[in-house]
Protein backbone atom coordinates (compact mmCIF):
# COMPACT_ATOMS: atom_id res chain seq x y z
CA MET A 1 11.87 -70.08 -72.32
CA LYS A 2 14.94 -68.78 -70.59
CA MET A 3 14.48 -66.93 -67.30
CA PRO A 4 16.00 -63.64 -68.61
CA ASP A 5 13.58 -63.67 -71.53
CA PHE A 6 10.67 -64.15 -69.12
CA PHE A 7 11.58 -61.06 -67.08
CA VAL A 8 12.13 -59.06 -70.26
CA ARG A 9 8.69 -59.94 -71.51
CA LEU A 10 7.18 -59.36 -68.02
CA THR A 11 8.59 -55.87 -67.75
CA ASP A 12 7.97 -54.98 -71.37
CA ASN A 13 5.35 -52.18 -71.52
CA LEU A 14 5.02 -52.43 -67.72
CA PRO A 15 3.02 -49.17 -67.25
CA ILE A 16 0.43 -50.32 -69.72
CA LYS A 17 0.16 -53.70 -68.04
CA LEU A 18 -0.23 -52.12 -64.61
CA LEU A 19 -2.98 -49.86 -65.92
CA ALA A 20 -4.74 -52.87 -67.34
CA VAL A 21 -4.57 -54.70 -64.02
CA ALA A 22 -5.88 -51.63 -62.17
CA ALA A 23 -8.69 -51.29 -64.67
CA ALA A 24 -9.60 -54.93 -64.19
CA VAL A 25 -9.65 -54.55 -60.42
CA LEU A 26 -11.73 -51.38 -60.72
CA LEU A 27 -14.17 -53.12 -63.03
CA TYR A 28 -14.43 -56.01 -60.59
CA PHE A 29 -15.24 -53.80 -57.63
CA SER A 30 -17.56 -51.63 -59.72
CA TYR A 31 -19.46 -54.74 -60.68
CA GLN A 32 -19.58 -55.82 -57.05
CA ILE A 33 -20.91 -52.42 -55.99
CA THR A 34 -23.53 -52.21 -58.72
CA THR A 35 -24.92 -55.58 -57.70
CA LEU A 36 -25.24 -54.61 -54.00
CA ASP A 37 -28.58 -53.76 -52.40
CA SER A 38 -28.91 -50.92 -49.85
CA LYS A 39 -31.03 -50.42 -46.76
CA SER A 40 -31.16 -47.27 -44.61
CA PHE A 41 -32.20 -46.71 -40.99
CA SER A 42 -32.64 -43.79 -38.59
CA ILE A 43 -30.66 -44.94 -35.55
CA PRO A 44 -30.88 -43.24 -32.11
CA LEU A 45 -27.58 -41.62 -31.24
CA GLN A 46 -26.27 -42.64 -27.82
CA VAL A 47 -23.91 -40.47 -25.77
CA ARG A 48 -21.40 -42.44 -23.73
CA GLU A 49 -20.13 -39.88 -21.28
CA GLY A 50 -16.97 -40.04 -19.22
CA GLY A 51 -14.01 -37.98 -18.19
CA SER A 52 -13.88 -34.51 -16.69
CA PHE A 53 -15.82 -32.68 -19.41
CA ALA A 54 -19.51 -32.86 -20.27
CA LEU A 55 -21.59 -31.93 -23.28
CA ALA A 56 -23.06 -28.45 -23.19
CA ASP A 57 -24.76 -28.98 -26.58
CA ASP A 58 -27.59 -31.26 -27.58
CA PRO A 59 -26.29 -33.62 -30.26
CA PRO A 60 -28.72 -34.88 -32.92
CA GLN A 61 -31.11 -37.50 -31.63
CA TYR A 62 -30.72 -39.70 -34.70
CA VAL A 63 -28.16 -40.48 -37.40
CA ARG A 64 -28.70 -42.09 -40.80
CA VAL A 65 -27.05 -45.48 -41.33
CA THR A 66 -26.96 -47.11 -44.77
CA VAL A 67 -26.01 -50.76 -45.18
CA ARG A 68 -25.00 -52.11 -48.61
CA ALA A 69 -24.61 -55.84 -49.16
CA LYS A 70 -25.94 -58.66 -51.26
CA PRO A 71 -29.73 -58.49 -51.55
CA GLU A 72 -30.34 -61.66 -49.58
CA GLN A 73 -28.06 -60.42 -46.79
CA THR A 74 -29.46 -56.88 -46.74
CA ALA A 75 -32.98 -58.24 -46.35
CA ALA A 76 -32.00 -59.83 -43.05
CA VAL A 77 -30.61 -56.62 -41.51
CA GLN A 78 -32.83 -55.13 -38.77
CA LYS A 79 -32.72 -51.68 -37.19
CA GLY A 80 -32.16 -53.15 -33.73
CA ASP A 81 -28.96 -54.83 -34.94
CA ILE A 82 -27.19 -51.45 -35.24
CA THR A 83 -26.21 -48.97 -32.55
CA ALA A 84 -24.69 -45.52 -33.05
CA TYR A 85 -22.83 -43.58 -30.37
CA ILE A 86 -20.26 -40.96 -29.54
CA ASP A 87 -17.73 -41.38 -26.72
CA THR A 88 -16.86 -38.22 -24.77
CA SER A 89 -14.13 -39.78 -22.62
CA SER A 90 -11.44 -38.60 -25.05
CA VAL A 91 -12.28 -34.89 -24.56
CA THR A 92 -9.55 -33.18 -22.55
CA ALA A 93 -10.42 -29.48 -22.69
CA SER A 94 -13.33 -27.05 -22.67
CA GLY A 95 -14.56 -25.71 -25.97
CA VAL A 96 -15.51 -27.32 -29.27
CA SER A 97 -14.32 -30.86 -29.99
CA SER A 98 -14.93 -33.09 -33.01
CA LEU A 99 -16.09 -36.61 -32.26
CA SER A 100 -16.57 -39.47 -34.68
CA VAL A 101 -19.90 -41.25 -34.74
CA LYS A 102 -19.15 -44.90 -34.05
CA LEU A 103 -21.26 -47.91 -34.94
CA GLY A 104 -21.89 -51.15 -33.14
CA LEU A 105 -22.96 -54.08 -35.35
CA LYS A 106 -24.23 -57.53 -34.49
CA ASP A 107 -21.77 -60.39 -35.00
CA TYR A 108 -23.42 -61.66 -38.16
CA PHE A 109 -22.22 -58.58 -40.05
CA THR A 110 -18.72 -60.14 -40.11
CA LEU A 111 -20.08 -62.89 -42.37
CA MET A 112 -21.34 -60.43 -44.97
CA ASP A 113 -18.97 -59.96 -47.91
CA PRO A 114 -18.97 -57.57 -49.61
CA LEU A 115 -20.27 -55.08 -47.02
CA ASP A 116 -20.40 -51.30 -46.94
CA VAL A 117 -21.80 -49.40 -43.93
CA GLN A 118 -22.00 -45.60 -43.94
CA VAL A 119 -23.26 -43.19 -41.27
CA LYS A 120 -24.31 -39.56 -41.78
CA PRO A 121 -23.18 -37.38 -40.19
CA ASN A 122 -20.01 -39.29 -39.38
CA THR A 123 -18.41 -36.47 -37.35
CA LEU A 124 -19.96 -34.03 -34.88
CA SER A 125 -18.52 -30.76 -33.59
CA LEU A 126 -19.83 -30.28 -30.05
CA HIS A 127 -19.27 -27.83 -27.21
CA PHE A 128 -17.90 -29.18 -23.91
CA GLU A 129 -17.64 -27.68 -20.42
CA PRO A 130 -16.23 -28.96 -17.12
CA ASN A 131 -18.41 -31.41 -15.18
CA THR A 132 -20.02 -29.87 -12.12
CA TYR A 133 -22.31 -31.06 -9.31
CA LYS A 134 -25.25 -29.44 -7.54
CA SER A 135 -27.98 -30.46 -5.08
CA VAL A 136 -31.53 -29.62 -6.17
CA PRO A 137 -34.99 -30.28 -4.66
CA VAL A 138 -37.28 -33.02 -5.96
CA LYS A 139 -40.88 -32.07 -6.79
CA ALA A 140 -43.75 -34.51 -7.12
CA PHE A 141 -45.42 -34.36 -10.52
CA PHE A 142 -49.13 -35.23 -10.52
CA LEU A 143 -51.31 -36.38 -13.39
CA GLY A 144 -55.04 -35.79 -13.56
CA SER A 145 -57.07 -34.51 -10.62
CA LEU A 146 -58.76 -35.82 -7.51
CA PRO A 147 -62.47 -36.65 -7.61
CA GLU A 148 -64.85 -33.78 -6.92
CA GLY A 149 -64.96 -32.91 -3.23
CA TYR A 150 -61.41 -34.00 -2.32
CA GLU A 151 -58.17 -32.07 -1.94
CA ILE A 152 -54.48 -32.57 -1.17
CA VAL A 153 -53.75 -31.08 2.24
CA SER A 154 -50.05 -32.00 2.37
CA GLN A 155 -47.35 -33.79 0.41
CA SER A 156 -43.72 -34.73 0.98
CA VAL A 157 -40.86 -36.27 -0.99
CA ASP A 158 -38.10 -38.40 0.57
CA PRO A 159 -35.29 -37.61 -0.06
CA GLU A 160 -36.09 -33.95 -0.51
CA ASN A 161 -32.93 -33.24 -2.55
CA VAL A 162 -30.75 -35.12 -5.03
CA LYS A 163 -27.37 -34.45 -6.63
CA ILE A 164 -27.16 -33.73 -10.36
CA VAL A 165 -24.09 -33.65 -12.61
CA GLY A 166 -23.44 -32.21 -16.05
CA ALA A 167 -21.92 -29.33 -17.94
CA GLN A 168 -21.60 -26.26 -15.73
CA SER A 169 -23.95 -23.96 -17.67
CA VAL A 170 -26.58 -26.69 -17.93
CA VAL A 171 -26.43 -27.62 -14.24
CA ASP A 172 -26.57 -23.95 -13.20
CA ALA A 173 -29.86 -23.57 -15.11
CA VAL A 174 -31.60 -26.47 -13.31
CA GLU A 175 -33.60 -25.37 -10.26
CA SER A 176 -35.34 -28.68 -9.46
CA VAL A 177 -36.11 -32.14 -10.81
CA SER A 178 -39.48 -33.89 -10.97
CA THR A 179 -40.75 -37.37 -10.39
CA VAL A 180 -42.46 -39.32 -13.11
CA GLY A 181 -46.20 -38.68 -13.25
CA ILE A 182 -48.31 -39.83 -10.26
CA ASP A 183 -51.94 -40.47 -11.19
CA LEU A 184 -54.50 -38.80 -8.89
CA GLN A 185 -57.63 -40.08 -10.59
CA ASN A 186 -60.02 -41.97 -8.27
CA LYS A 187 -57.81 -41.23 -5.25
CA THR A 188 -59.97 -40.47 -2.19
CA GLU A 189 -57.56 -41.54 0.57
CA SER A 190 -54.02 -40.65 1.58
CA PHE A 191 -51.32 -42.80 -0.06
CA THR A 192 -47.58 -43.42 -0.35
CA ALA A 193 -45.85 -44.19 -3.65
CA THR A 194 -42.28 -45.05 -4.60
CA VAL A 195 -41.53 -43.54 -8.00
CA LYS A 196 -38.57 -42.78 -10.21
CA ILE A 197 -37.12 -39.37 -10.96
CA GLU A 198 -37.93 -38.18 -14.46
CA SER A 199 -35.13 -39.42 -16.71
CA ASP A 200 -35.71 -37.04 -19.62
CA LEU A 201 -33.29 -34.42 -18.30
CA ARG A 202 -31.37 -32.73 -21.09
CA ARG A 203 -27.64 -33.16 -20.53
CA VAL A 204 -28.09 -33.67 -16.76
CA GLN A 205 -27.84 -36.87 -14.74
CA VAL A 206 -28.99 -37.67 -11.22
CA THR A 207 -26.04 -39.32 -9.49
CA ASP A 208 -27.11 -40.55 -6.06
CA VAL A 209 -30.70 -41.91 -6.20
CA GLN A 210 -33.20 -42.95 -8.83
CA ASP A 211 -36.28 -43.67 -6.68
CA VAL A 212 -38.01 -41.39 -4.18
CA THR A 213 -40.93 -41.89 -1.79
CA VAL A 214 -43.88 -39.53 -2.19
CA ARG A 215 -46.45 -39.22 0.61
CA VAL A 216 -49.75 -37.51 -0.16
CA GLU A 217 -52.41 -36.64 2.42
CA ILE A 218 -55.91 -36.41 0.95
CA LYS A 219 -59.06 -35.24 2.75
CA ALA A 220 -62.62 -34.57 1.76
CA GLN A 221 -63.08 -30.86 1.17
CA ALA A 222 -64.89 -29.08 4.02
CA LEU A 223 -67.91 -26.90 3.36
CA THR A 224 -69.82 -24.46 5.55
CA ARG A 225 -73.42 -23.75 4.58
CA SER A 226 -76.28 -21.75 6.12
CA PHE A 227 -79.99 -22.57 5.98
CA SER A 228 -83.06 -20.54 6.91
CA VAL A 229 -85.36 -22.96 8.74
CA SER A 230 -88.55 -22.89 10.80
CA ALA A 231 -88.30 -24.22 14.33
CA GLN A 232 -90.57 -27.12 15.24
CA ALA A 233 -92.60 -26.60 18.45
CA LEU A 234 -92.49 -29.56 20.84
CA ASN A 235 -94.16 -30.45 24.14
CA LEU A 236 -96.78 -27.69 24.25
CA ASN A 237 -98.77 -28.04 27.46
CA ALA A 238 -102.43 -28.87 27.18
CA GLY A 239 -104.53 -25.75 26.92
CA LEU A 240 -101.74 -23.66 25.37
CA GLU A 241 -100.96 -22.87 21.74
CA LEU A 242 -98.70 -20.56 19.75
CA ALA A 243 -100.16 -17.12 19.40
CA LYS A 244 -98.23 -16.72 16.12
CA GLU A 245 -95.75 -18.70 14.07
CA LEU A 246 -92.25 -19.01 15.44
CA ASP A 247 -89.63 -16.80 13.80
CA LYS A 248 -87.24 -18.50 11.38
CA VAL A 249 -83.70 -19.15 12.50
CA THR A 250 -80.42 -19.36 10.56
CA LEU A 251 -78.76 -22.75 10.95
CA THR A 252 -75.08 -22.90 9.90
CA LEU A 253 -73.52 -26.35 9.42
CA SER A 254 -70.12 -27.70 8.39
CA GLY A 255 -69.30 -31.03 6.74
CA THR A 256 -67.79 -32.59 3.68
CA LYS A 257 -68.46 -30.78 0.44
CA ASN A 258 -70.04 -33.76 -1.26
CA ALA A 259 -72.47 -34.46 1.58
CA LEU A 260 -73.38 -30.94 2.68
CA SER A 261 -73.89 -29.51 -0.80
CA SER A 262 -76.83 -31.88 -1.35
CA PHE A 263 -78.29 -31.74 2.18
CA THR A 264 -81.71 -30.25 2.89
CA PRO A 265 -82.78 -29.81 6.55
CA GLY A 266 -85.99 -31.57 7.56
CA GLU A 267 -88.88 -30.14 9.55
CA SER A 268 -87.33 -31.31 12.80
CA ALA A 269 -83.83 -29.92 12.14
CA VAL A 270 -84.38 -27.11 14.72
CA GLN A 271 -86.71 -27.75 17.65
CA ALA A 272 -88.19 -25.47 20.34
CA ASP A 273 -89.05 -27.31 23.56
CA PHE A 274 -92.00 -25.78 25.47
CA SER A 275 -92.17 -28.39 28.24
CA ASP A 276 -91.29 -25.71 30.85
CA ALA A 277 -93.89 -23.23 29.63
CA HIS A 278 -97.05 -23.70 31.73
CA THR A 279 -98.87 -20.39 31.31
CA ALA A 280 -99.91 -18.08 28.50
CA GLY A 281 -97.57 -15.20 27.78
CA ILE A 282 -94.14 -14.61 26.30
CA HIS A 283 -91.47 -17.24 26.93
CA SER A 284 -87.80 -17.55 26.02
CA VAL A 285 -87.32 -20.99 24.52
CA GLN A 286 -83.95 -22.65 24.07
CA LEU A 287 -83.45 -24.26 20.67
CA ARG A 288 -81.93 -27.63 19.94
CA VAL A 289 -80.66 -29.01 16.67
CA ASN A 290 -81.42 -32.42 15.23
CA ILE A 291 -79.11 -33.17 12.28
CA PRO A 292 -77.15 -36.23 10.97
CA ASP A 293 -73.93 -37.03 12.83
CA GLU A 294 -71.78 -36.36 9.71
CA PHE A 295 -72.42 -32.61 10.11
CA SER A 296 -71.31 -30.16 12.79
CA VAL A 297 -73.26 -27.16 14.02
CA VAL A 298 -71.37 -23.94 13.51
CA ALA A 299 -74.09 -21.57 14.74
CA VAL A 300 -77.81 -21.21 15.44
CA ASP A 301 -78.99 -17.62 15.14
CA PRO A 302 -80.73 -16.76 17.34
CA PRO A 303 -80.01 -19.53 19.84
CA VAL A 304 -83.13 -18.60 21.87
CA LEU A 305 -86.58 -17.69 20.53
CA GLU A 306 -89.08 -15.35 22.10
CA ALA A 307 -92.43 -17.10 21.66
CA GLU A 308 -95.90 -16.00 22.70
CA LEU A 309 -98.30 -18.64 24.01
CA ALA A 310 -102.04 -18.21 24.33
CA GLU A 311 -104.73 -20.28 25.91
CA THR A 312 -106.33 -22.69 23.53
CA SER A 313 -109.67 -21.33 22.28
CA SER A 314 -112.51 -23.86 22.79
CA ASP A 315 -114.89 -24.65 19.99
CA PHE A 316 -117.39 -25.92 22.53
CA SER A 317 -119.51 -23.29 24.39
CA SER A 318 -123.01 -23.59 25.90
CA GLY A 319 -124.55 -21.96 22.85
CA ASN A 320 -123.04 -24.52 20.58
CA PHE A 321 -124.82 -27.50 22.06
CA ARG A 322 -128.31 -28.71 21.33
CA GLU A 323 -130.00 -31.84 22.42
CA ASP A 324 -131.33 -34.07 19.74
CA LEU A 325 -134.72 -35.37 20.75
């Protein structure tokens, strides 16, 4: 066949031939697509921030990623092999900007052919504001409660303040940041803990420190309690006795809540010493208190008792004796 004849035949009905080729290619790819398997994942959306402008909106936490490939290849795909993110470093002005959702794939994806990866949504329209800084106080965040009878008497955080950065309206709304939770259960003594600042801050970042030192002073709760008790008479001289019972006194004690709330004074808690009373009559007797060392005496009311002593009556008189013969 001569070369001119070949070109004549090649170009003869060229549009029809081109359509046929296109149809064949379309059928080939259609077949490839129909034989692909798909697998979908909810992927956390990362925000890679940079530049002079910060997000004032909260972007979606997750995006939907669909992977289509040969069944045996799709089966091997894991959620952790895919990352999704937006990059704010390209934003150059305040207001609303559209950012593409980008994907990061493990290296083995390059060996998959055919491969189709789709993300929804693939574009986000987000509001941006200038980055701004501010210093705010750090507050200790406590979990649970101290055991019964104990209390926090003081606490401190070092450093007291940290610097935060973010979109201006967001930063302006933040009054303080908190530490991660510090467990108080079973704590009965003062302690010091180094903890991180809570990282779940919406659209705000702490720039200078991540760890702070929290000092907590714990003491047993104090309790003051009053008891009505009878004084115990001591050292009565021979031949003397009480003409009537001693008046009750009010004994006020202080101590730890746990110990004092369950304390009951004994018979010898308040004592009246009559060693200096040698005759019958009315005597002023100083009182003394006998209590465990863990308690302190707040008051004894009255501190002195007026007591009447009488001579001991004898059960033995001359008429009461007889001689047994």
